[in-house]
């Protein structure tokens, strides 16, 4: 069995994948001839399922589908890419604004992450 080496880049990439994931990669919907919305679940063999936290079908047949927390991933990602930043006073949006202001001051354009490879 081959194991991949755990590196900072792999951790950042995995967290970025969660932070910028879209439920549309897993689920789709359309309107049928009667005007009812029909949910389509993509075949798990066709998509990367690592970012799915939970899938269940209730007794009533309702599908419950949950991805890992985007907000938590964004916080963690910000901590990893800017470990020396001051804690935000007003939550995630303030932290992101603070980060963007720092980038603007430094002349850096943006962070790049190889998502959904």
C-alpha atoms as a PDB file:
ATOM      1  CA  UNK A   1       0.000   0.000   0.000  1.00  0.00           C
ATOM      2  CA  UNK A   2       1.393   3.365  -1.017  1.00  0.00           C
ATOM      3  CA  UNK A   3       0.987   6.265   1.389  1.00  0.00           C
ATOM      4  CA  UNK A   4       1.272   9.867   0.327  1.00  0.00           C
ATOM      5  CA  UNK A   5       3.494  12.079   2.417  1.00  0.00           C
ATOM      6  CA  UNK A   6       1.616  14.564   4.578  1.00  0.00           C
ATOM      7  CA  UNK A   7       2.792  18.032   3.635  1.00  0.00           C
ATOM      8  CA  UNK A   8       1.596  21.544   4.395  1.00  0.00           C
ATOM      9  CA  UNK A   9       0.616  21.953   0.731  1.00  0.00           C
ATOM     10  CA  UNK A  10      -1.556  18.799   0.808  1.00  0.00           C
ATOM     11  CA  UNK A  11      -3.308  20.021   3.972  1.00  0.00           C
ATOM     12  CA  UNK A  12      -3.908  23.502   2.537  1.00  0.00           C
ATOM     13  CA  UNK A  13      -5.152  21.997  -0.745  1.00  0.00           C
ATOM     14  CA  UNK A  14      -7.571  19.668   1.078  1.00  0.00           C
ATOM     15  CA  UNK A  15      -8.972  22.477   3.214  1.00  0.00           C
ATOM     16  CA  UNK A  16      -9.244  24.763   0.178  1.00  0.00           C
ATOM     17  CA  UNK A  17     -11.139  22.024  -1.640  1.00  0.00           C
ATOM     18  CA  UNK A  18     -13.710  21.978   1.182  1.00  0.00           C
ATOM     19  CA  UNK A  19     -13.832  25.778   1.438  1.00  0.00           C
ATOM     20  CA  UNK A  20     -14.533  26.286  -2.272  1.00  0.00           C
ATOM     21  CA  UNK A  21     -16.583  23.173  -3.005  1.00  0.00           C
ATOM     22  CA  UNK A  22     -20.043  23.433  -4.552  1.00  0.00           C
ATOM     23  CA  UNK A  23     -22.966  21.128  -3.808  1.00  0.00           C
ATOM     24  CA  UNK A  24     -23.767  21.267  -7.530  1.00  0.00           C
ATOM     25  CA  UNK A  25     -20.904  18.825  -8.058  1.00  0.00           C
ATOM     26  CA  UNK A  26     -22.990  16.200  -6.253  1.00  0.00           C
ATOM     27  CA  UNK A  27     -26.610  17.184  -6.750  1.00  0.00           C
ATOM     28  CA  UNK A  28     -28.578  18.671  -9.605  1.00  0.00           C
ATOM     29  CA  UNK A  29     -32.188  19.595 -10.092  1.00  0.00           C
ATOM     30  CA  UNK A  30     -34.538  20.183 -12.949  1.00  0.00           C
ATOM     31  CA  UNK A  31     -38.214  20.853 -13.471  1.00  0.00           C
ATOM     32  CA  UNK A  32     -40.272  18.058 -15.000  1.00  0.00           C
ATOM     33  CA  UNK A  33     -43.196  18.391 -17.423  1.00  0.00           C
ATOM     34  CA  UNK A  34     -45.610  18.891 -14.516  1.00  0.00           C
ATOM     35  CA  UNK A  35     -43.561  21.747 -13.059  1.00  0.00           C
ATOM     36  CA  UNK A  36     -42.254  19.695 -10.134  1.00  0.00           C
ATOM     37  CA  UNK A  37     -38.621  19.970  -9.121  1.00  0.00           C
ATOM     38  CA  UNK A  38     -36.752  16.701  -9.509  1.00  0.00           C
ATOM     39  CA  UNK A  39     -33.533  16.180  -7.588  1.00  0.00           C
ATOM     40  CA  UNK A  40     -30.754  14.251  -9.312  1.00  0.00           C
ATOM     41  CA  UNK A  41     -27.941  12.763  -7.255  1.00  0.00           C
ATOM     42  CA  UNK A  42     -24.780  12.253  -9.263  1.00  0.00           C
ATOM     43  CA  UNK A  43     -23.275   8.768  -9.306  1.00  0.00           C
ATOM     44  CA  UNK A  44     -20.636   8.495  -6.570  1.00  0.00           C
ATOM     45  CA  UNK A  45     -18.356   6.680  -9.027  1.00  0.00           C
ATOM     46  CA  UNK A  46     -18.225   9.877 -11.109  1.00  0.00           C
ATOM     47  CA  UNK A  47     -17.434  12.441  -8.402  1.00  0.00           C
ATOM     48  CA  UNK A  48     -14.839  12.879  -5.683  1.00  0.00           C
ATOM     49  CA  UNK A  49     -16.783  12.210  -2.480  1.00  0.00           C
ATOM     50  CA  UNK A  50     -14.113  13.270   0.061  1.00  0.00           C
ATOM     51  CA  UNK A  51     -15.933  16.502   0.947  1.00  0.00           C
ATOM     52  CA  UNK A  52     -19.217  14.772   1.786  1.00  0.00           C
ATOM     53  CA  UNK A  53     -19.752  14.550   5.515  1.00  0.00           C
ATOM     54  CA  UNK A  54     -23.052  12.687   5.533  1.00  0.00           C
ATOM     55  CA  UNK A  55     -25.673  11.154   3.266  1.00  0.00           C
ATOM     56  CA  UNK A  56     -28.791   9.493   4.609  1.00  0.00           C
ATOM     57  CA  UNK A  57     -32.298   8.617   3.548  1.00  0.00           C
ATOM     58  CA  UNK A  58     -35.000   8.970   6.188  1.00  0.00           C
ATOM     59  CA  UNK A  59     -37.925   6.649   6.755  1.00  0.00           C
ATOM     60  CA  UNK A  60     -40.075   9.051   4.788  1.00  0.00           C
ATOM     61  CA  UNK A  61     -37.691   8.744   1.818  1.00  0.00           C
ATOM     62  CA  UNK A  62     -36.184  12.205   2.242  1.00  0.00           C
ATOM     63  CA  UNK A  63     -32.561  12.558   1.275  1.00  0.00           C
ATOM     64  CA  UNK A  64     -30.248  14.350   3.692  1.00  0.00           C
ATOM     65  CA  UNK A  65     -26.977  15.494   2.164  1.00  0.00           C
ATOM     66  CA  UNK A  66     -24.308  17.398   4.061  1.00  0.00           C
ATOM     67  CA  UNK A  67     -20.896  18.692   3.011  1.00  0.00           C
ATOM     68  CA  UNK A  68     -18.189  19.569   5.507  1.00  0.00           C
ATOM     69  CA  UNK A  69     -18.461  23.135   6.834  1.00  0.00           C
ATOM     70  CA  UNK A  70     -17.350  25.733   4.314  1.00  0.00           C
ATOM     71  CA  UNK A  71     -17.121  28.382   7.029  1.00  0.00           C
ATOM     72  CA  UNK A  72     -14.858  26.272   9.248  1.00  0.00           C
ATOM     73  CA  UNK A  73     -12.668  25.433   6.255  1.00  0.00           C
ATOM     74  CA  UNK A  74     -12.372  29.122   5.330  1.00  0.00           C
ATOM     75  CA  UNK A  75     -11.340  30.015   8.885  1.00  0.00           C
ATOM     76  CA  UNK A  76      -8.773  27.223   8.948  1.00  0.00           C
ATOM     77  CA  UNK A  77      -7.492  28.136   5.501  1.00  0.00           C
ATOM     78  CA  UNK A  78      -7.039  31.742   6.541  1.00  0.00           C
ATOM     79  CA  UNK A  79      -5.150  30.579   9.645  1.00  0.00           C
ATOM     80  CA  UNK A  80      -2.861  28.431   7.484  1.00  0.00           C
ATOM     81  CA  UNK A  81      -2.086  30.998   4.791  1.00  0.00           C
ATOM     82  CA  UNK A  82      -1.817  33.955   7.181  1.00  0.00           C
ATOM     83  CA  UNK A  83      -0.759  32.570  10.573  1.00  0.00           C
ATOM     84  CA  UNK A  84       0.501  35.948  11.829  1.00  0.00           C
ATOM     85  CA  UNK A  85      -2.691  37.897  11.211  1.00  0.00           C
ATOM     86  CA  UNK A  86      -4.453  39.487  14.174  1.00  0.00           C
ATOM     87  CA  UNK A  87      -7.683  37.766  15.237  1.00  0.00           C
ATOM     88  CA  UNK A  88     -10.731  39.298  13.593  1.00  0.00           C
ATOM     89  CA  UNK A  89     -13.060  41.284  15.819  1.00  0.00           C
ATOM     90  CA  UNK A  90     -16.203  40.643  13.778  1.00  0.00           C
ATOM     91  CA  UNK A  91     -15.828  37.098  12.509  1.00  0.00           C
ATOM     92  CA  UNK A  92     -14.987  35.669   9.126  1.00  0.00           C
ATOM     93  CA  UNK A  93     -15.951  38.645   6.975  1.00  0.00           C
ATOM     94  CA  UNK A  94     -13.786  40.988   9.014  1.00  0.00           C
ATOM     95  CA  UNK A  95     -10.887  38.528   8.801  1.00  0.00           C
ATOM     96  CA  UNK A  96     -11.256  38.249   5.038  1.00  0.00           C
ATOM     97  CA  UNK A  97     -11.463  42.043   4.681  1.00  0.00           C
ATOM     98  CA  UNK A  98      -8.356  42.406   6.847  1.00  0.00           C
ATOM     99  CA  UNK A  99      -6.557  39.841   4.712  1.00  0.00           C
ATOM    100  CA  UNK A 100      -7.608  41.542   1.459  1.00  0.00           C
ATOM    101  CA  UNK A 101      -6.453  44.924   2.764  1.00  0.00           C
ATOM    102  CA  UNK A 102      -3.087  43.425   3.702  1.00  0.00           C
ATOM    103  CA  UNK A 103      -2.789  41.890   0.219  1.00  0.00           C
ATOM    104  CA  UNK A 104      -3.639  45.222  -1.393  1.00  0.00           C
ATOM    105  CA  UNK A 105      -0.990  46.950   0.707  1.00  0.00           C
ATOM    106  CA  UNK A 106       1.632  44.354  -0.166  1.00  0.00           C
ATOM    107  CA  UNK A 107       0.853  44.369  -3.882  1.00  0.00           C
ATOM    108  CA  UNK A 108      -0.094  40.679  -3.890  1.00  0.00           C
ATOM    109  CA  UNK A 109      -3.001  39.832  -6.152  1.00  0.00           C
ATOM    110  CA  UNK A 110      -4.514  36.661  -4.754  1.00  0.00           C
ATOM    111  CA  UNK A 111      -3.845  33.195  -3.441  1.00  0.00           C
ATOM    112  CA  UNK A 112      -3.958  30.334  -5.897  1.00  0.00           C
ATOM    113  CA  UNK A 113      -5.164  26.857  -5.018  1.00  0.00           C
ATOM    114  CA  UNK A 114      -5.341  23.905  -7.425  1.00  0.00           C
ATOM    115  CA  UNK A 115      -8.960  22.960  -6.758  1.00  0.00           C
ATOM    116  CA  UNK A 116     -10.877  19.922  -7.887  1.00  0.00           C
ATOM    117  CA  UNK A 117      -8.045  18.201  -9.710  1.00  0.00           C
END
